[in-house]
Amino acid sequence: MPRRSSLGVGAQSISSRSSLRILRLGVLCVEVLVFCGWLGLCLATAACSSGERANQGTVVFLIETMPANLDPRIGTDAQSQRLHSLIFSGLLQRDAQMNPQPDLAERWETPDPLTYIFH
């Protein structure tokens, strides 16, 4: 009969102890990550709710990216276009079907194809 080696039994118990330590370490890492995420969320929430309120008549909003330029002649990116529509008014604006609608102009006339008269 072959003899059992005590080395094999000891190696298995050492291996299982190592696995248990690795498992505990993994659980600890997950707990630390969850706690850090929770702490970050709490800090972000606290930072967003400042004690000061905006003055009456002040508009505060969030935009995704910085506009290229606030000059409507130069800024042609999407954020610039969106801010231009909030800051500036034109003679006309476009509706959902892209048809011209009055904005600053009350009405307009086109007596000939090269002439527009805005009122």
PDB file of N, CA and C in Angstrom:
ATOM      1  N   MET A   1       0.828  -1.172   0.000  1.00  0.00           N
ATOM      2  CA  MET A   1       0.000   0.000   0.000  1.00  0.00           C
ATOM      3  C   MET A   1       0.874   1.236   0.000  1.00  0.00           C
ATOM      4  N   PRO A   2       0.444   2.183  -0.809  1.00  0.00           N
ATOM      5  CA  PRO A   2       1.224   3.416  -0.794  1.00  0.00           C
ATOM      6  C   PRO A   2       0.968   4.189   0.485  1.00  0.00           C
ATOM      7  N   ARG A   3       1.998   4.804   0.936  1.00  0.00           N
ATOM      8  CA  ARG A   3       1.873   5.596   2.156  1.00  0.00           C
ATOM      9  C   ARG A   3       1.406   6.992   1.809  1.00  0.00           C
ATOM     10  N   ARG A   4       0.592   7.506   2.691  1.00  0.00           N
ATOM     11  CA  ARG A   4       0.178   8.900   2.522  1.00  0.00           C
ATOM     12  C   ARG A   4       1.269   9.797   3.050  1.00  0.00           C
ATOM     13  N   SER A   5       1.474  10.798   2.312  1.00  0.00           N
ATOM     14  CA  SER A   5       2.494  11.739   2.739  1.00  0.00           C
ATOM     15  C   SER A   5       1.838  12.822   3.568  1.00  0.00           C
ATOM     16  N   SER A   6       2.451  13.154   4.649  1.00  0.00           N
ATOM     17  CA  SER A   6       1.922  14.239   5.478  1.00  0.00           C
ATOM     18  C   SER A   6       2.083  15.581   4.775  1.00  0.00           C
ATOM     19  N   LEU A   7       3.009  15.608   3.806  1.00  0.00           N
ATOM     20  CA  LEU A   7       3.225  16.833   3.052  1.00  0.00           C
ATOM     21  C   LEU A   7       1.991  17.170   2.226  1.00  0.00           C
ATOM     22  N   GLY A   8       1.344  16.177   1.642  1.00  0.00           N
ATOM     23  CA  GLY A   8       0.161  16.416   0.825  1.00  0.00           C
ATOM     24  C   GLY A   8      -0.984  16.972   1.646  1.00  0.00           C
ATOM     25  N   VAL A   9      -1.226  16.440   2.821  1.00  0.00           N
ATOM     26  CA  VAL A   9      -2.312  16.920   3.678  1.00  0.00           C
ATOM     27  C   VAL A   9      -2.011  18.329   4.147  1.00  0.00           C
ATOM     28  N   GLY A  10      -0.782  18.563   4.520  1.00  0.00           N
ATOM     29  CA  GLY A  10      -0.394  19.892   4.975  1.00  0.00           C
ATOM     30  C   GLY A  10      -0.486  20.913   3.865  1.00  0.00           C
ATOM     31  N   ALA A  11      -0.134  20.525   2.656  1.00  0.00           N
ATOM     32  CA  ALA A  11      -0.191  21.436   1.511  1.00  0.00           C
ATOM     33  C   ALA A  11      -1.633  21.814   1.207  1.00  0.00           C
ATOM     34  N   GLN A  12      -2.557  20.848   1.362  1.00  0.00           N
ATOM     35  CA  GLN A  12      -3.966  21.148   1.125  1.00  0.00           C
ATOM     36  C   GLN A  12      -4.489  22.125   2.173  1.00  0.00           C
ATOM     37  N   SER A  13      -4.125  21.927   3.414  1.00  0.00           N
ATOM     38  CA  SER A  13      -4.628  22.830   4.453  1.00  0.00           C
ATOM     39  C   SER A  13      -4.018  24.227   4.295  1.00  0.00           C
ATOM     40  N   ILE A  14      -2.752  24.292   3.879  1.00  0.00           N
ATOM     41  CA  ILE A  14      -2.126  25.597   3.633  1.00  0.00           C
ATOM     42  C   ILE A  14      -2.807  26.267   2.452  1.00  0.00           C
ATOM     43  N   SER A  15      -3.093  25.479   1.418  1.00  0.00           N
ATOM     44  CA  SER A  15      -3.757  26.016   0.239  1.00  0.00           C
ATOM     45  C   SER A  15      -5.143  26.533   0.581  1.00  0.00           C
ATOM     46  N   SER A  16      -5.897  25.804   1.379  1.00  0.00           N
ATOM     47  CA  SER A  16      -7.242  26.259   1.743  1.00  0.00           C
ATOM     48  C   SER A  16      -7.174  27.486   2.636  1.00  0.00           C
ATOM     49  N   ARG A  17      -6.161  27.555   3.498  1.00  0.00           N
ATOM     50  CA  ARG A  17      -6.005  28.752   4.332  1.00  0.00           C
ATOM     51  C   ARG A  17      -5.654  29.964   3.462  1.00  0.00           C
ATOM     52  N   SER A  18      -4.808  29.753   2.471  1.00  0.00           N
ATOM     53  CA  SER A  18      -4.446  30.843   1.555  1.00  0.00           C
ATOM     54  C   SER A  18      -5.663  31.306   0.762  1.00  0.00           C
ATOM     55  N   SER A  19      -6.465  30.344   0.305  1.00  0.00           N
ATOM     56  CA  SER A  19      -7.685  30.694  -0.431  1.00  0.00           C
ATOM     57  C   SER A  19      -8.627  31.489   0.445  1.00  0.00           C
ATOM     58  N   LEU A  20      -8.725  31.085   1.709  1.00  0.00           N
ATOM     59  CA  LEU A  20      -9.600  31.793   2.635  1.00  0.00           C
ATOM     60  C   LEU A  20      -9.104  33.210   2.873  1.00  0.00           C
ATOM     61  N   ARG A  21      -7.781  33.370   3.007  1.00  0.00           N
ATOM     62  CA  ARG A  21      -7.218  34.721   3.185  1.00  0.00           C
ATOM     63  C   ARG A  21      -7.473  35.583   1.954  1.00  0.00           C
ATOM     64  N   ILE A  22      -7.290  35.007   0.772  1.00  0.00           N
ATOM     65  CA  ILE A  22      -7.517  35.754  -0.476  1.00  0.00           C
ATOM     66  C   ILE A  22      -8.983  36.148  -0.586  1.00  0.00           C
ATOM     67  N   LEU A  23      -9.877  35.236  -0.211  1.00  0.00           N
ATOM     68  CA  LEU A  23     -11.305  35.524  -0.242  1.00  0.00           C
ATOM     69  C   LEU A  23     -11.652  36.648   0.725  1.00  0.00           C
ATOM     70  N   ARG A  24     -11.113  36.581   1.940  1.00  0.00           N
ATOM     71  CA  ARG A  24     -11.368  37.638   2.927  1.00  0.00           C
ATOM     72  C   ARG A  24     -10.807  38.975   2.438  1.00  0.00           C
ATOM     73  N   LEU A  25      -9.634  38.932   1.831  1.00  0.00           N
ATOM     74  CA  LEU A  25      -9.025  40.151   1.298  1.00  0.00           C
ATOM     75  C   LEU A  25      -9.875  40.727   0.170  1.00  0.00           C
ATOM     76  N   GLY A  26     -10.417  39.858  -0.687  1.00  0.00           N
ATOM     77  CA  GLY A  26     -11.294  40.315  -1.765  1.00  0.00           C
ATOM     78  C   GLY A  26     -12.558  40.951  -1.236  1.00  0.00           C
ATOM     79  N   VAL A  27     -13.153  40.335  -0.211  1.00  0.00           N
ATOM     80  CA  VAL A  27     -14.367  40.893   0.402  1.00  0.00           C
ATOM     81  C   VAL A  27     -14.046  42.230   1.043  1.00  0.00           C
ATOM     82  N   LEU A  28     -12.911  42.314   1.706  1.00  0.00           N
ATOM     83  CA  LEU A  28     -12.497  43.572   2.322  1.00  0.00           C
ATOM     84  C   LEU A  28     -12.314  44.664   1.266  1.00  0.00           C
ATOM     85  N   CYS A  29     -11.706  44.319   0.127  1.00  0.00           N
ATOM     86  CA  CYS A  29     -11.518  45.299  -0.952  1.00  0.00           C
ATOM     87  C   CYS A  29     -12.862  45.779  -1.487  1.00  0.00           C
ATOM     88  N   VAL A  30     -13.798  44.873  -1.659  1.00  0.00           N
ATOM     89  CA  VAL A  30     -15.128  45.255  -2.132  1.00  0.00           C
ATOM     90  C   VAL A  30     -15.809  46.169  -1.124  1.00  0.00           C
ATOM     91  N   GLU A  31     -15.696  45.839   0.169  1.00  0.00           N
ATOM     92  CA  GLU A  31     -16.297  46.690   1.198  1.00  0.00           C
ATOM     93  C   GLU A  31     -15.679  48.079   1.204  1.00  0.00           C
ATOM     94  N   VAL A  32     -14.369  48.151   1.032  1.00  0.00           N
ATOM     95  CA  VAL A  32     -13.686  49.449   0.992  1.00  0.00           C
ATOM     96  C   VAL A  32     -14.143  50.239  -0.237  1.00  0.00           C
ATOM     97  N   LEU A  33     -14.270  49.583  -1.388  1.00  0.00           N
ATOM     98  CA  LEU A  33     -14.728  50.268  -2.591  1.00  0.00           C
ATOM     99  C   LEU A  33     -16.154  50.776  -2.440  1.00  0.00           C
ATOM    100  N   VAL A  34     -17.027  49.977  -1.848  1.00  0.00           N
ATOM    101  CA  VAL A  34     -18.411  50.404  -1.625  1.00  0.00           C
ATOM    102  C   VAL A  34     -18.438  51.596  -0.680  1.00  0.00           C
ATOM    103  N   PHE A  35     -17.635  51.536   0.384  1.00  0.00           N
ATOM    104  CA  PHE A  35     -17.596  52.651   1.330  1.00  0.00           C
ATOM    105  C   PHE A  35     -17.067  53.920   0.662  1.00  0.00           C
ATOM    106  N   CYS A  36     -16.019  53.790  -0.154  1.00  0.00           N
ATOM    107  CA  CYS A  36     -15.470  54.960  -0.853  1.00  0.00           C
ATOM    108  C   CYS A  36     -16.486  55.540  -1.827  1.00  0.00           C
ATOM    109  N   GLY A  37     -17.217  54.674  -2.518  1.00  0.00           N
ATOM    110  CA  GLY A  37     -18.262  55.156  -3.419  1.00  0.00           C
ATOM    111  C   GLY A  37     -19.352  55.882  -2.671  1.00  0.00           C
ATOM    112  N   TRP A  38     -19.775  55.330  -1.544  1.00  0.00           N
ATOM    113  CA  TRP A  38     -20.806  55.961  -0.714  1.00  0.00           C
ATOM    114  C   TRP A  38     -20.310  57.298  -0.183  1.00  0.00           C
ATOM    115  N   LEU A  39     -19.065  57.334   0.285  1.00  0.00           N
ATOM    116  CA  LEU A  39     -18.488  58.576   0.804  1.00  0.00           C
ATOM    117  C   LEU A  39     -18.392  59.628  -0.296  1.00  0.00           C
ATOM    118  N   GLY A  40     -17.956  59.216  -1.491  1.00  0.00           N
ATOM    119  CA  GLY A  40     -17.880  60.156  -2.614  1.00  0.00           C
ATOM    120  C   GLY A  40     -19.245  60.703  -2.981  1.00  0.00           C
ATOM    121  N   LEU A  41     -20.255  59.850  -2.978  1.00  0.00           N
ATOM    122  CA  LEU A  41     -21.615  60.293  -3.275  1.00  0.00           C
ATOM    123  C   LEU A  41     -22.109  61.286  -2.233  1.00  0.00           C
ATOM    124  N   CYS A  42     -21.827  61.012  -0.980  1.00  0.00           N
ATOM    125  CA  CYS A  42     -22.235  61.942   0.089  1.00  0.00           C
ATOM    126  C   CYS A  42     -21.531  63.286  -0.051  1.00  0.00           C
ATOM    127  N   LEU A  43     -20.237  63.265  -0.354  1.00  0.00           N
ATOM    128  CA  LEU A  43     -19.495  64.516  -0.514  1.00  0.00           C
ATOM    129  C   LEU A  43     -19.984  65.297  -1.728  1.00  0.00           C
ATOM    130  N   ALA A  44     -20.275  64.600  -2.808  1.00  0.00           N
ATOM    131  CA  ALA A  44     -20.771  65.279  -4.005  1.00  0.00           C
ATOM    132  C   ALA A  44     -22.135  65.906  -3.747  1.00  0.00           C
ATOM    133  N   THR A  45     -22.978  65.196  -3.028  1.00  0.00           N
ATOM    134  CA  THR A  45     -24.303  65.725  -2.708  1.00  0.00           C
ATOM    135  C   THR A  45     -24.184  66.935  -1.792  1.00  0.00           C
ATOM    136  N   ALA A  46     -23.294  66.858  -0.820  1.00  0.00           N
ATOM    137  CA  ALA A  46     -23.108  67.984   0.094  1.00  0.00           C
ATOM    138  C   ALA A  46     -22.545  69.193  -0.640  1.00  0.00           C
ATOM    139  N   ALA A  47     -21.666  68.961  -1.598  1.00  0.00           N
ATOM    140  CA  ALA A  47     -21.071  70.069  -2.355  1.00  0.00           C
ATOM    141  C   ALA A  47     -22.102  70.735  -3.258  1.00  0.00           C
ATOM    142  N   CYS A  48     -23.060  69.972  -3.750  1.00  0.00           N
ATOM    143  CA  CYS A  48     -24.068  70.534  -4.659  1.00  0.00           C
ATOM    144  C   CYS A  48     -25.092  71.381  -3.929  1.00  0.00           C
ATOM    145  N   SER A  49     -25.344  71.076  -2.677  1.00  0.00           N
ATOM    146  CA  SER A  49     -26.368  71.823  -1.952  1.00  0.00           C
ATOM    147  C   SER A  49     -25.703  72.882  -1.089  1.00  0.00           C
ATOM    148  N   SER A  50     -25.348  73.995  -1.723  1.00  0.00           N
ATOM    149  CA  SER A  50     -24.711  75.077  -0.975  1.00  0.00           C
ATOM    150  C   SER A  50     -25.765  75.819  -0.175  1.00  0.00           C
ATOM    151  N   GLY A  51     -25.333  76.461   0.870  1.00  0.00           N
ATOM    152  CA  GLY A  51     -26.248  77.195   1.719  1.00  0.00           C
ATOM    153  C   GLY A  51     -26.765  78.461   1.060  1.00  0.00           C
ATOM    154  N   GLU A  52     -26.012  79.000   0.107  1.00  0.00           N
ATOM    155  CA  GLU A  52     -26.428  80.234  -0.546  1.00  0.00           C
ATOM    156  C   GLU A  52     -27.444  79.953  -1.637  1.00  0.00           C
ATOM    157  N   ARG A  53     -28.417  80.813  -1.719  1.00  0.00           N
ATOM    158  CA  ARG A  53     -29.409  80.743  -2.793  1.00  0.00           C
ATOM    159  C   ARG A  53     -29.062  81.803  -3.825  1.00  0.00           C
ATOM    160  N   ALA A  54     -29.383  81.514  -5.067  1.00  0.00           N
ATOM    161  CA  ALA A  54     -29.141  82.494  -6.122  1.00  0.00           C
ATOM    162  C   ALA A  54     -30.068  83.686  -5.924  1.00  0.00           C
ATOM    163  N   ASN A  55     -29.576  84.851  -6.296  1.00  0.00           N
ATOM    164  CA  ASN A  55     -30.390  86.058  -6.199  1.00  0.00           C
ATOM    165  C   ASN A  55     -31.594  85.968  -7.120  1.00  0.00           C
ATOM    166  N   GLN A  56     -32.627  86.693  -6.779  1.00  0.00           N
ATOM    167  CA  GLN A  56     -33.793  86.762  -7.652  1.00  0.00           C
ATOM    168  C   GLN A  56     -33.351  87.300  -9.002  1.00  0.00           C
ATOM    169  N   GLY A  57     -33.816  86.689 -10.061  1.00  0.00           N
ATOM    170  CA  GLY A  57     -33.462  87.146 -11.400  1.00  0.00           C
ATOM    171  C   GLY A  57     -32.175  86.544 -11.936  1.00  0.00           C
ATOM    172  N   THR A  58     -31.498  85.679 -11.157  1.00  0.00           N
ATOM    173  CA  THR A  58     -30.276  85.032 -11.604  1.00  0.00           C
ATOM    174  C   THR A  58     -30.622  83.662 -12.166  1.00  0.00           C
ATOM    175  N   VAL A  59     -30.081  83.362 -13.336  1.00  0.00           N
ATOM    176  CA  VAL A  59     -30.304  82.065 -13.963  1.00  0.00           C
ATOM    177  C   VAL A  59     -29.044  81.229 -13.809  1.00  0.00           C
ATOM    178  N   VAL A  60     -29.185  80.031 -13.252  1.00  0.00           N
ATOM    179  CA  VAL A  60     -28.069  79.116 -13.082  1.00  0.00           C
ATOM    180  C   VAL A  60     -28.427  77.822 -13.800  1.00  0.00           C
ATOM    181  N   PHE A  61     -27.543  77.375 -14.705  1.00  0.00           N
ATOM    182  CA  PHE A  61     -27.797  76.114 -15.402  1.00  0.00           C
ATOM    183  C   PHE A  61     -26.478  75.425 -15.719  1.00  0.00           C
ATOM    184  N   LEU A  62     -26.566  74.159 -16.056  1.00  0.00           N
ATOM    185  CA  LEU A  62     -25.399  73.339 -16.347  1.00  0.00           C
ATOM    186  C   LEU A  62     -25.353  73.037 -17.834  1.00  0.00           C
ATOM    187  N   ILE A  63     -24.165  73.165 -18.418  1.00  0.00           N
ATOM    188  CA  ILE A  63     -23.991  72.802 -19.826  1.00  0.00           C
ATOM    189  C   ILE A  63     -22.946  71.690 -19.905  1.00  0.00           C
ATOM    190  N   GLU A  64     -23.048  70.870 -20.947  1.00  0.00           N
ATOM    191  CA  GLU A  64     -22.164  69.710 -21.077  1.00  0.00           C
ATOM    192  C   GLU A  64     -20.731  70.103 -21.398  1.00  0.00           C
ATOM    193  N   THR A  65     -20.549  71.013 -22.339  1.00  0.00           N
ATOM    194  CA  THR A  65     -19.208  71.454 -22.726  1.00  0.00           C
ATOM    195  C   THR A  65     -19.199  72.964 -22.866  1.00  0.00           C
ATOM    196  N   MET A  66     -18.028  73.524 -22.878  1.00  0.00           N
ATOM    197  CA  MET A  66     -17.898  74.962 -23.042  1.00  0.00           C
ATOM    198  C   MET A  66     -18.208  75.350 -24.486  1.00  0.00           C
ATOM    199  N   PRO A  67     -18.921  76.449 -24.699  1.00  0.00           N
ATOM    200  CA  PRO A  67     -19.151  76.893 -26.078  1.00  0.00           C
ATOM    201  C   PRO A  67     -17.852  77.426 -26.674  1.00  0.00           C
ATOM    202  N   ALA A  68     -17.733  77.289 -27.987  1.00  0.00           N
ATOM    203  CA  ALA A  68     -16.523  77.770 -28.667  1.00  0.00           C
ATOM    204  C   ALA A  68     -16.441  79.288 -28.602  1.00  0.00           C
ATOM    205  N   ASN A  69     -17.577  79.964 -28.759  1.00  0.00           N
ATOM    206  CA  ASN A  69     -17.591  81.416 -28.771  1.00  0.00           C
ATOM    207  C   ASN A  69     -19.019  81.896 -28.519  1.00  0.00           C
ATOM    208  N   LEU A  70     -19.175  82.967 -27.783  1.00  0.00           N
ATOM    209  CA  LEU A  70     -20.506  83.511 -27.547  1.00  0.00           C
ATOM    210  C   LEU A  70     -20.900  84.564 -28.571  1.00  0.00           C
ATOM    211  N   ASP A  71     -20.039  84.854 -29.509  1.00  0.00           N
ATOM    212  CA  ASP A  71     -20.374  85.761 -30.594  1.00  0.00           C
ATOM    213  C   ASP A  71     -21.152  84.968 -31.638  1.00  0.00           C
ATOM    214  N   PRO A  72     -22.417  85.314 -31.896  1.00  0.00           N
ATOM    215  CA  PRO A  72     -23.221  84.512 -32.818  1.00  0.00           C
ATOM    216  C   PRO A  72     -22.693  84.500 -34.252  1.00  0.00           C
ATOM    217  N   ARG A  73     -21.820  85.430 -34.594  1.00  0.00           N
ATOM    218  CA  ARG A  73     -21.234  85.420 -35.940  1.00  0.00           C
ATOM    219  C   ARG A  73     -20.148  84.367 -36.077  1.00  0.00           C
ATOM    220  N   ILE A  74     -19.531  83.974 -34.950  1.00  0.00           N
ATOM    221  CA  ILE A  74     -18.367  83.091 -34.988  1.00  0.00           C
ATOM    222  C   ILE A  74     -18.660  81.701 -34.417  1.00  0.00           C
ATOM    223  N   GLY A  75     -19.359  81.631 -33.297  1.00  0.00           N
ATOM    224  CA  GLY A  75     -19.617  80.349 -32.635  1.00  0.00           C
ATOM    225  C   GLY A  75     -20.605  79.501 -33.412  1.00  0.00           C
ATOM    226  N   THR A  76     -20.121  78.404 -33.984  1.00  0.00           N
ATOM    227  CA  THR A  76     -20.989  77.559 -34.809  1.00  0.00           C
ATOM    228  C   THR A  76     -21.191  76.165 -34.229  1.00  0.00           C
ATOM    229  N   ASP A  77     -20.616  75.869 -33.065  1.00  0.00           N
ATOM    230  CA  ASP A  77     -20.820  74.549 -32.475  1.00  0.00           C
ATOM    231  C   ASP A  77     -22.188  74.479 -31.794  1.00  0.00           C
ATOM    232  N   ALA A  78     -22.585  73.291 -31.389  1.00  0.00           N
ATOM    233  CA  ALA A  78     -23.929  73.075 -30.836  1.00  0.00           C
ATOM    234  C   ALA A  78     -24.152  73.859 -29.547  1.00  0.00           C
ATOM    235  N   GLN A  79     -23.164  73.886 -28.650  1.00  0.00           N
ATOM    236  CA  GLN A  79     -23.331  74.612 -27.382  1.00  0.00           C
ATOM    237  C   GLN A  79     -23.441  76.113 -27.632  1.00  0.00           C
ATOM    238  N   SER A  80     -22.638  76.628 -28.553  1.00  0.00           N
ATOM    239  CA  SER A  80     -22.721  78.054 -28.880  1.00  0.00           C
ATOM    240  C   SER A  80     -24.094  78.383 -29.454  1.00  0.00           C
ATOM    241  N   GLN A  81     -24.592  77.532 -30.355  1.00  0.00           N
ATOM    242  CA  GLN A  81     -25.909  77.765 -30.949  1.00  0.00           C
ATOM    243  C   GLN A  81     -26.993  77.771 -29.879  1.00  0.00           C
ATOM    244  N   ARG A  82     -26.922  76.833 -28.942  1.00  0.00           N
ATOM    245  CA  ARG A  82     -27.928  76.748 -27.874  1.00  0.00           C
ATOM    246  C   ARG A  82     -27.892  77.998 -26.998  1.00  0.00           C
ATOM    247  N   LEU A  83     -26.695  78.434 -26.624  1.00  0.00           N
ATOM    248  CA  LEU A  83     -26.579  79.632 -25.796  1.00  0.00           C
ATOM    249  C   LEU A  83     -26.981  80.884 -26.562  1.00  0.00           C
ATOM    250  N   HIS A  84     -26.691  80.935 -27.854  1.00  0.00           N
ATOM    251  CA  HIS A  84     -27.113  82.090 -28.665  1.00  0.00           C
ATOM    252  C   HIS A  84     -28.630  82.215 -28.624  1.00  0.00           C
ATOM    253  N   SER A  85     -29.332  81.080 -28.717  1.00  0.00           N
ATOM    254  CA  SER A  85     -30.801  81.144 -28.697  1.00  0.00           C
ATOM    255  C   SER A  85     -31.329  81.588 -27.336  1.00  0.00           C
ATOM    256  N   LEU A  86     -30.556  81.372 -26.267  1.00  0.00           N
ATOM    257  CA  LEU A  86     -30.986  81.814 -24.939  1.00  0.00           C
ATOM    258  C   LEU A  86     -30.642  83.278 -24.672  1.00  0.00           C
ATOM    259  N   ILE A  87     -29.560  83.758 -25.278  1.00  0.00           N
ATOM    260  CA  ILE A  87     -29.082  85.119 -25.002  1.00  0.00           C
ATOM    261  C   ILE A  87     -29.612  86.133 -26.005  1.00  0.00           C
ATOM    262  N   PHE A  88     -29.564  85.778 -27.280  1.00  0.00           N
ATOM    263  CA  PHE A  88     -29.897  86.720 -28.339  1.00  0.00           C
ATOM    264  C   PHE A  88     -31.218  86.366 -28.995  1.00  0.00           C
ATOM    265  N   SER A  89     -31.876  87.378 -29.529  1.00  0.00           N
ATOM    266  CA  SER A  89     -33.078  87.176 -30.337  1.00  0.00           C
ATOM    267  C   SER A  89     -32.800  87.669 -31.739  1.00  0.00           C
ATOM    268  N   GLY A  90     -33.407  87.021 -32.707  1.00  0.00           N
ATOM    269  CA  GLY A  90     -33.264  87.435 -34.092  1.00  0.00           C
ATOM    270  C   GLY A  90     -34.577  87.981 -34.610  1.00  0.00           C
ATOM    271  N   LEU A  91     -34.585  88.411 -35.847  1.00  0.00           N
ATOM    272  CA  LEU A  91     -35.829  88.863 -36.453  1.00  0.00           C
ATOM    273  C   LEU A  91     -36.819  87.709 -36.561  1.00  0.00           C
ATOM    274  N   LEU A  92     -36.290  86.535 -36.909  1.00  0.00           N
ATOM    275  CA  LEU A  92     -37.129  85.353 -37.081  1.00  0.00           C
ATOM    276  C   LEU A  92     -36.551  84.201 -36.276  1.00  0.00           C
ATOM    277  N   GLN A  93     -37.392  83.219 -36.004  1.00  0.00           N
ATOM    278  CA  GLN A  93     -36.931  81.971 -35.405  1.00  0.00           C
ATOM    279  C   GLN A  93     -37.568  80.819 -36.166  1.00  0.00           C
ATOM    280  N   ARG A  94     -37.100  79.624 -35.967  1.00  0.00           N
ATOM    281  CA  ARG A  94     -37.634  78.453 -36.674  1.00  0.00           C
ATOM    282  C   ARG A  94     -38.477  77.613 -35.716  1.00  0.00           C
ATOM    283  N   ASP A  95     -39.590  77.086 -36.227  1.00  0.00           N
ATOM    284  CA  ASP A  95     -40.417  76.195 -35.421  1.00  0.00           C
ATOM    285  C   ASP A  95     -39.920  74.758 -35.592  1.00  0.00           C
ATOM    286  N   ALA A  96     -40.664  73.788 -35.065  1.00  0.00           N
ATOM    287  CA  ALA A  96     -40.251  72.386 -35.112  1.00  0.00           C
ATOM    288  C   ALA A  96     -40.149  71.862 -36.542  1.00  0.00           C
ATOM    289  N   GLN A  97     -40.927  72.410 -37.465  1.00  0.00           N
ATOM    290  CA  GLN A  97     -40.871  71.992 -38.866  1.00  0.00           C
ATOM    291  C   GLN A  97     -39.907  72.850 -39.685  1.00  0.00           C
ATOM    292  N   MET A  98     -39.117  73.681 -38.999  1.00  0.00           N
ATOM    293  CA  MET A  98     -38.122  74.564 -39.617  1.00  0.00           C
ATOM    294  C   MET A  98     -38.747  75.656 -40.481  1.00  0.00           C
ATOM    295  N   ASN A  99     -39.980  76.030 -40.191  1.00  0.00           N
ATOM    296  CA  ASN A  99     -40.624  77.147 -40.881  1.00  0.00           C
ATOM    297  C   ASN A  99     -40.304  78.428 -40.143  1.00  0.00           C
ATOM    298  N   PRO A 100     -40.062  79.535 -40.841  1.00  0.00           N
ATOM    299  CA  PRO A 100     -39.770  80.798 -40.156  1.00  0.00           C
ATOM    300  C   PRO A 100     -40.995  81.315 -39.410  1.00  0.00           C
ATOM    301  N   GLN A 101     -40.749  81.739 -38.177  1.00  0.00           N
ATOM    302  CA  GLN A 101     -41.788  82.319 -37.316  1.00  0.00           C
ATOM    303  C   GLN A 101     -41.261  83.651 -36.785  1.00  0.00           C
ATOM    304  N   PRO A 102     -42.149  84.605 -36.447  1.00  0.00           N
ATOM    305  CA  PRO A 102     -41.689  85.897 -35.913  1.00  0.00           C
ATOM    306  C   PRO A 102     -40.985  85.733 -34.569  1.00  0.00           C
ATOM    307  N   ASP A 103     -39.924  86.480 -34.381  1.00  0.00           N
ATOM    308  CA  ASP A 103     -39.258  86.548 -33.083  1.00  0.00           C
ATOM    309  C   ASP A 103     -39.276  88.011 -32.649  1.00  0.00           C
ATOM    310  N   LEU A 104     -38.328  88.827 -33.078  1.00  0.00           N
ATOM    311  CA  LEU A 104     -38.398  90.261 -32.812  1.00  0.00           C
ATOM    312  C   LEU A 104     -39.317  90.958 -33.814  1.00  0.00           C
ATOM    313  N   ALA A 105     -39.330  90.466 -35.027  1.00  0.00           N
ATOM    314  CA  ALA A 105     -40.201  91.046 -36.059  1.00  0.00           C
ATOM    315  C   ALA A 105     -41.637  90.587 -35.800  1.00  0.00           C
ATOM    316  N   GLU A 106     -42.562  91.501 -35.880  1.00  0.00           N
ATOM    317  CA  GLU A 106     -43.964  91.138 -35.722  1.00  0.00           C
ATOM    318  C   GLU A 106     -44.493  90.458 -36.984  1.00  0.00           C
ATOM    319  N   ARG A 107     -44.036  90.967 -38.125  1.00  0.00           N
ATOM    320  CA  ARG A 107     -44.437  90.401 -39.412  1.00  0.00           C
ATOM    321  C   ARG A 107     -43.425  90.856 -40.447  1.00  0.00           C
ATOM    322  N   TRP A 108     -43.500  90.277 -41.641  1.00  0.00           N
ATOM    323  CA  TRP A 108     -42.604  90.665 -42.720  1.00  0.00           C
ATOM    324  C   TRP A 108     -43.299  90.513 -44.060  1.00  0.00           C
ATOM    325  N   GLU A 109     -42.781  91.267 -44.999  1.00  0.00           N
ATOM    326  CA  GLU A 109     -43.324  91.258 -46.355  1.00  0.00           C
ATOM    327  C   GLU A 109     -42.181  91.022 -47.330  1.00  0.00           C
ATOM    328  N   THR A 110     -42.503  90.419 -48.464  1.00  0.00           N
ATOM    329  CA  THR A 110     -41.528  90.247 -49.549  1.00  0.00           C
ATOM    330  C   THR A 110     -42.155  90.749 -50.845  1.00  0.00           C
ATOM    331  N   PRO A 111     -42.009  92.074 -51.099  1.00  0.00           N
ATOM    332  CA  PRO A 111     -42.604  92.619 -52.306  1.00  0.00           C
ATOM    333  C   PRO A 111     -42.003  92.044 -53.598  1.00  0.00           C
ATOM    334  N   ASP A 112     -40.739  91.685 -53.550  1.00  0.00           N
ATOM    335  CA  ASP A 112     -40.102  91.011 -54.690  1.00  0.00           C
ATOM    336  C   ASP A 112     -39.087  90.011 -54.116  1.00  0.00           C
ATOM    337  N   PRO A 113     -38.559  89.096 -54.905  1.00  0.00           N
ATOM    338  CA  PRO A 113     -37.662  88.049 -54.385  1.00  0.00           C
ATOM    339  C   PRO A 113     -36.377  88.561 -53.743  1.00  0.00           C
ATOM    340  N   LEU A 114     -35.995  89.798 -53.993  1.00  0.00           N
ATOM    341  CA  LEU A 114     -34.748  90.333 -53.411  1.00  0.00           C
ATOM    342  C   LEU A 114     -34.994  91.312 -52.282  1.00  0.00           C
ATOM    343  N   THR A 115     -36.235  91.536 -51.884  1.00  0.00           N
ATOM    344  CA  THR A 115     -36.543  92.533 -50.873  1.00  0.00           C
ATOM    345  C   THR A 115     -37.390  91.923 -49.756  1.00  0.00           C
ATOM    346  N   TYR A 116     -36.949  92.170 -48.537  1.00  0.00           N
ATOM    347  CA  TYR A 116     -37.718  91.771 -47.361  1.00  0.00           C
ATOM    348  C   TYR A 116     -37.953  93.012 -46.522  1.00  0.00           C
ATOM    349  N   ILE A 117     -39.160  93.210 -46.059  1.00  0.00           N
ATOM    350  CA  ILE A 117     -39.495  94.350 -45.192  1.00  0.00           C
ATOM    351  C   ILE A 117     -40.028  93.765 -43.878  1.00  0.00           C
ATOM    352  N   PHE A 118     -39.295  94.045 -42.792  1.00  0.00           N
ATOM    353  CA  PHE A 118     -39.679  93.544 -41.456  1.00  0.00           C
ATOM    354  C   PHE A 118     -40.341  94.658 -40.675  1.00  0.00           C
ATOM    355  N   HIS A 119     -41.387  94.345 -39.952  1.00  0.00           N
ATOM    356  CA  HIS A 119     -42.098  95.302 -39.093  1.00  0.00           C
ATOM    357  C   HIS A 119     -41.979  94.833 -37.649  1.00  0.00           C
TER     358      HIS A 119
END
